[in-house]
Amino acid sequence: MDLREEQAAAAIAERIRLEREDRGWSLSELAERSGVSKAMISKIERCEASPTATVLGRLSGAFGLPLSRLLALAEQAGERLVRAAQQVVWTDPETGYTRRAISPATGNGLELLEVTLPAGVRIPYPASAFAFQRQQIWVTVGELEFIEGETVHHLTAGDCLELGPPQPCVFFNPAEAEARYIIALTRRI
């Protein structure tokens, strides 16, 4: 892990601890609300373990925050311009999935993310991860199978999908090459 990734991991750990403490929740209460073990949450907060995308989705859902907002709060730059070299990249230690925060963390309600999903990787998220946001997915490279509840969307480069009401979802790359897509997020009204 390079210095930027270590800084991102430390910022995420601190934000999770702050969100939990701001709500007056114990580790046990967050574990119960999120479905993530108390031991894992403790390791994440102490920077002894790096959370996977699925774990972050569960934690953000328990906090009532979109995953992107939780990560933006961890990044908290506040500048209107963020150069490519300064954009925070987070890598899922389990799958190699990467998430690059393209948008400045100004809190204006619109967020753009670039995701790279390695071949054969499947990332599930609970419905709670989508409860407070509207989302569109625009595939720029490769293929993406997006499973939204019982509906399967097969997307290829250039396709754009707007998500429906919150439900459990899975991002899956069925191809032998990486997939890359842009996610546009706004808060649900």
Protein backbone atom coordinates (compact mmCIF):
# COMPACT_ATOMS: atom_id res chain seq x y z
CA MET A 1 0.00 0.00 0.00
CA ASP A 2 1.45 3.38 -1.00
CA LEU A 3 1.35 6.52 1.16
CA ARG A 4 -1.85 7.90 -0.48
CA GLU A 5 -3.66 4.58 0.08
CA GLU A 6 -2.47 4.48 3.72
CA GLN A 7 -3.73 8.04 4.24
CA ALA A 8 -7.09 7.15 2.66
CA ALA A 9 -7.41 4.04 4.86
CA ALA A 10 -6.61 6.06 8.00
CA ALA A 11 -9.13 8.77 7.02
CA ILE A 12 -11.84 6.14 6.44
CA ALA A 13 -11.10 4.49 9.80
CA GLU A 14 -11.33 7.84 11.58
CA ARG A 15 -14.57 8.79 9.80
CA ILE A 16 -16.22 5.48 10.77
CA ARG A 17 -15.21 6.00 14.40
CA LEU A 18 -16.49 9.62 14.33
CA GLU A 19 -19.81 8.64 12.73
CA ARG A 20 -20.31 5.91 15.33
CA GLU A 21 -19.37 8.14 18.27
CA ASP A 22 -21.45 11.09 16.97
CA ARG A 23 -24.50 8.83 17.17
CA GLY A 24 -23.55 7.62 20.65
CA TRP A 25 -23.34 4.04 19.40
CA SER A 26 -21.15 1.35 20.89
CA LEU A 27 -19.24 -1.05 18.66
CA SER A 28 -21.94 -3.62 19.46
CA GLU A 29 -24.74 -1.32 18.35
CA LEU A 30 -23.04 -0.51 15.04
CA ALA A 31 -22.37 -4.22 14.53
CA GLU A 32 -26.05 -5.01 15.11
CA ARG A 33 -27.25 -2.24 12.78
CA SER A 34 -24.78 -3.03 9.99
CA GLY A 35 -24.36 -6.79 10.12
CA VAL A 36 -20.57 -6.31 10.38
CA SER A 37 -18.92 -8.03 13.34
CA LYS A 38 -17.87 -5.98 16.34
CA ALA A 39 -14.34 -7.38 16.01
CA MET A 40 -14.09 -6.26 12.37
CA ILE A 41 -15.37 -2.76 13.14
CA SER A 42 -12.84 -2.47 15.96
CA LYS A 43 -9.99 -3.58 13.65
CA ILE A 44 -11.10 -1.08 10.99
CA GLU A 45 -11.24 1.79 13.47
CA ARG A 46 -7.73 0.91 14.72
CA CYS A 47 -6.41 0.64 11.11
CA GLU A 48 -5.60 -3.03 11.67
CA ALA A 49 -7.87 -4.11 8.81
CA SER A 50 -8.91 -2.41 5.60
CA PRO A 51 -12.66 -2.68 4.96
CA THR A 52 -13.95 -4.26 1.77
CA ALA A 53 -16.44 -2.46 -0.47
CA THR A 54 -19.21 -4.70 0.89
CA VAL A 55 -18.34 -3.89 4.51
CA LEU A 56 -18.19 -0.15 3.75
CA GLY A 57 -21.60 -0.44 2.06
CA ARG A 58 -23.06 -2.06 5.17
CA LEU A 59 -21.51 0.51 7.52
CA SER A 60 -22.62 3.48 5.41
CA GLY A 61 -26.15 2.03 5.26
CA ALA A 62 -26.23 1.71 9.05
CA PHE A 63 -25.21 5.37 9.33
CA GLY A 64 -27.91 6.40 6.84
CA LEU A 65 -25.26 7.74 4.45
CA PRO A 66 -24.50 6.85 0.86
CA LEU A 67 -21.12 5.12 0.65
CA SER A 68 -19.82 7.97 -1.48
CA ARG A 69 -20.82 10.51 1.19
CA LEU A 70 -19.09 8.52 3.92
CA LEU A 71 -15.92 8.44 1.83
CA ALA A 72 -16.27 12.13 0.87
CA LEU A 73 -16.52 13.04 4.56
CA ALA A 74 -13.31 11.08 5.13
CA GLU A 75 -11.63 12.98 2.28
CA GLN A 76 -13.13 16.41 3.14
CA ALA A 77 -11.05 18.62 0.88
CA GLY A 78 -13.62 21.41 0.45
CA GLU A 79 -11.86 22.75 -2.66
CA ARG A 80 -13.77 23.28 -5.91
CA LEU A 81 -10.90 21.91 -8.00
CA VAL A 82 -9.30 18.56 -7.39
CA ARG A 83 -6.48 17.62 -9.74
CA ALA A 84 -6.24 14.05 -11.02
CA ALA A 85 -3.09 13.45 -8.96
CA GLN A 86 -4.95 14.56 -5.79
CA GLN A 87 -8.08 12.45 -6.31
CA VAL A 88 -8.34 9.85 -3.60
CA VAL A 89 -8.20 6.27 -4.82
CA TRP A 90 -9.40 3.51 -2.52
CA THR A 91 -8.70 -0.15 -3.28
CA ASP A 92 -10.75 -3.01 -1.86
CA PRO A 93 -8.11 -5.30 -0.30
CA GLU A 94 -10.21 -8.39 -0.99
CA THR A 95 -11.09 -7.95 -4.67
CA GLY A 96 -8.81 -5.28 -6.15
CA TYR A 97 -11.86 -3.11 -6.93
CA THR A 98 -10.79 0.55 -7.04
CA ARG A 99 -12.85 3.67 -6.46
CA ARG A 100 -11.55 7.10 -7.45
CA ALA A 101 -13.35 10.17 -6.08
CA ILE A 102 -13.43 12.46 -9.12
CA SER A 103 -15.57 15.26 -7.66
CA PRO A 104 -14.31 17.87 -5.24
CA ALA A 105 -15.65 17.18 -1.73
CA THR A 106 -17.59 20.44 -1.53
CA GLY A 107 -20.86 18.99 -0.32
CA ASN A 108 -22.85 20.37 -3.29
CA GLY A 109 -24.90 17.18 -3.61
CA LEU A 110 -23.39 15.83 -6.85
CA GLU A 111 -20.63 13.25 -6.76
CA LEU A 112 -18.78 11.53 -9.58
CA LEU A 113 -16.80 8.35 -9.00
CA GLU A 114 -14.73 6.20 -11.31
CA VAL A 115 -14.73 2.50 -10.50
CA THR A 116 -12.46 -0.17 -11.92
CA LEU A 117 -13.78 -3.69 -11.42
CA PRO A 118 -11.35 -6.55 -12.15
CA ALA A 119 -12.44 -9.49 -14.28
CA GLY A 120 -14.74 -11.94 -12.52
CA VAL A 121 -15.24 -9.75 -9.44
CA ARG A 122 -18.66 -9.52 -7.78
CA ILE A 123 -19.46 -6.74 -5.26
CA PRO A 124 -22.81 -7.04 -3.38
CA TYR A 125 -24.45 -4.13 -1.55
CA PRO A 126 -27.52 -4.13 0.69
CA ALA A 127 -30.53 -1.96 -0.17
CA SER A 128 -29.57 0.37 2.69
CA ALA A 129 -26.47 1.44 0.74
CA PHE A 130 -28.81 3.05 -1.84
CA ALA A 131 -31.50 4.40 0.47
CA PHE A 132 -30.41 8.03 0.50
CA GLN A 133 -29.14 8.52 -3.04
CA ARG A 134 -30.08 8.49 -6.69
CA GLN A 135 -27.49 6.86 -8.88
CA GLN A 136 -26.60 6.44 -12.52
CA ILE A 137 -23.95 4.08 -13.85
CA TRP A 138 -22.16 4.85 -17.13
CA VAL A 139 -19.90 2.07 -18.42
CA THR A 140 -16.82 3.47 -20.16
CA VAL A 141 -14.73 0.30 -20.66
CA GLY A 142 -15.66 -3.38 -20.78
CA GLU A 143 -18.82 -5.08 -19.50
CA LEU A 144 -20.82 -4.84 -16.30
CA GLU A 145 -23.62 -7.05 -15.10
CA PHE A 146 -25.67 -5.04 -12.61
CA ILE A 147 -28.13 -7.08 -10.59
CA GLU A 148 -30.83 -4.89 -9.05
CA GLY A 149 -33.07 -7.05 -6.89
CA GLU A 150 -34.38 -9.68 -9.32
CA THR A 151 -33.51 -7.68 -12.46
CA VAL A 152 -30.24 -8.27 -14.31
CA HIS A 153 -28.90 -5.45 -16.50
CA HIS A 154 -26.16 -6.36 -19.00
CA LEU A 155 -24.21 -3.17 -19.73
CA THR A 156 -21.38 -2.55 -22.18
CA ALA A 157 -19.22 0.48 -22.98
CA GLY A 158 -21.41 3.55 -23.54
CA ASP A 159 -24.48 2.20 -21.73
CA CYS A 160 -25.94 4.28 -18.90
CA LEU A 161 -28.39 2.95 -16.29
CA GLU A 162 -30.39 4.90 -13.72
CA LEU A 163 -31.07 2.82 -10.63
CA GLY A 164 -34.60 2.32 -9.42
CA PRO A 165 -35.89 2.21 -5.81
CA PRO A 166 -33.39 0.94 -3.20
CA GLN A 167 -32.94 -2.82 -3.16
CA PRO A 168 -30.03 -5.25 -2.79
CA CYS A 169 -27.67 -4.89 -5.75
CA VAL A 170 -24.61 -6.63 -7.14
CA PHE A 171 -21.94 -5.20 -9.44
CA PHE A 172 -20.39 -8.08 -11.43
CA ASN A 173 -17.77 -8.11 -14.16
CA PRO A 174 -18.42 -11.27 -16.21
CA ALA A 175 -15.64 -10.54 -18.71
CA GLU A 176 -11.99 -11.59 -18.81
CA ALA A 177 -10.82 -7.95 -18.79
CA GLU A 178 -11.42 -5.15 -16.30
CA ALA A 179 -14.55 -3.02 -16.44
CA ARG A 180 -14.51 0.71 -15.79
CA TYR A 181 -17.56 2.84 -15.10
CA ILE A 182 -18.54 6.26 -13.82
CA ILE A 183 -21.11 6.59 -11.05
CA ALA A 184 -23.06 9.85 -10.69
CA LEU A 185 -24.76 10.30 -7.32
CA THR A 186 -27.20 12.80 -5.85
CA ARG A 187 -29.19 12.67 -2.63
CA ARG A 188 -32.76 11.37 -2.79
CA ILE A 189 -35.38 14.04 -2.22
